[in-house]
Amino acid sequence: MYKELLFKLVSISSVNSTVGELEIAKFIYQYLLDIKKKYGADFEVFFQDINDDFRKNVIAVVKGRKEISNKAVVFLGHFDTVDVEDYGILKDFAFDPIKLKQEFRRIYPHLVQDNVEFGRGIFDMKGGIVVNLIVFEELIKNIDSWGGYAIFLFVCDEEGDSKGMLNAIKMLRKFKESDNLDFWFCLDTDYTVRKAVYVGSIGKVLIGLFVRGMETHVGQSLEGINSNYILNTILSKVDDSFDLIEKEGDEFTSPPVVMKMGSIREGYNVKTNLYSFAYINHLFFKKSLVDIMNDYKAIVEKSIKEIIDRRKEILKNFSLNFEVPDIKIYSLADFFNIYGKIEKFLECGSSDYRDCIFFSLRDWVDGLGINYPFVLIFFLPPFYPSVKTSESIKSKLIDYLGRIDEKIEIFDYFPYISDLSFLGRIEDVEFLKSNMLGWGRYFTLDVETINFVSMPCLDWGVLGFDAHKFTERLIVDYSLERLPKYILEFFMRVMD
């Protein structure tokens, strides 16, 4: 039965930012209404609009009848997927698990098992959506056996800018205010590659670097300083940097990754580069934004010292009297304190609005009449806070897992970016705002609402392999048979 539901969900192409996201929301909404009719159940279902978007969230609120309680547990899942270009010649079968498995049996037989099913989104995370629908129906069937509230969020756009979750928290706020709810935890059923529960979720911040050099003719390069040279020296200490990996117990973040870099110049000429830029994906557990900024400042300081020392050595070896450039370092807040804030952002025509931010920054700096080299360090959108569960919920989870026959591990942090981030408290708010270029123009967070509805978070997801790859697949018996049972039992223990 539930495998059929899984295959139906996979068959609906819900690639991020396509109309399929709306179609699958309609299907889930109707599925919940059918459950309501089937059991004559009394619960609320909302088809939530997304601000300035055609997509929808589906939200259901169920109230147990055993006793009056304001305890609430939130179940979370996203129904959008990444695209299918990676499937190549199998692209036409990406949303048809039955035919796709036949093709895999023919082309990649070593990957085929009776208990494993293939398809785009089957692992990330339509399998998790099915788990939540199973749990939902079981709670309806047993509504007299528990008290409190169960809130189910089926959201869009997790693979994009998390518009679904950022709108869903507004509904959570309404529920909390109207019924004085006490949110005990949120349980996300997003994918896992091992039998595990994660009692927190990793955070992410984009680090922006904007470099101004000293322009000169390429035949007289020692009279100036190439912005690309400054930037490359910095970035050589960032990608795969051991020093920037955060470690908690046996868990550690992936190292930073330079996502984009380049120089800003118009056409071809024989001058050295004046402006260069980059942005860096940085993952974190507990570190504050202040500490992260200081880590990058230290790397920039070290890099500039190397550049200056190298330039001095060249000048000395060749008996040259050129001036050694003084390269300054600023955080965005410090730079704004000196020169005022940038007021205008360009419409640059790029599909990446961060490009527009860098082009706007170049034009603004030009207008300031600055004639010395510097490195500007700042944050760029988006920002995902890290989040942890409470020790109380973790203790209850440890106790429950110790009573079942299957070994399921506990880890502190879900190692992938997820919508759970927007259920954790955001600290360093003013520091974030004052050092993020584009806040309020390209990106904003309703920090007050996020902090109001913040709650402990868990990811207890389906099991499988290769999310975002054409070999994406789901292990069915654990994911659709045993996992829903465990989640239900844990829910009942917590709500009792």
Foldseek 3Di string as FASTA:
>chain_A
DLVVVLLVLLLQQQAAPDCSQQVSQVVVQVVVVVLCVVLVFDWDWDFADFPPGPHTKIKIKAFADQDEDQEEEEEEAESHFHAQVQLVVCSVCQSRFVVSLVVCCVVPVVLDDPQKTGHTCSQQPSLQVSLVVVLVSVCRVPRNLFGHMYMYIYFYQFVHAPSGLLVVLVVVLVSCVVSVHDYAEYEYAHHDAAQAKAQWAKWKWKKKKKKFWFKDFLVPPLLIDARVLLVVLLVVCAVQHPVQWDDDVPDIAGGKDWPDKDADDDDDDRMGTGMIMTMIIHMDAPDDPVVVLVVSVVSSVVSVVVVQVVSVVVCVVVVHDHDRADEEEEFLLRVCVVQNDQDDFDPPVDPDCVVSLNVSVVVVVVVSVDRGIYMYIFTEDDIFAMAGADPVLVVLVVVLCVPDDDDYYYHHHDRDDGSLSLQHQDPPVVVNVSRYGCDVNPDHHPNVSSNVRHHGYMYRHFHFDDRPHSSTMGRRCCSNPVSSVSVSVSVSVVRD
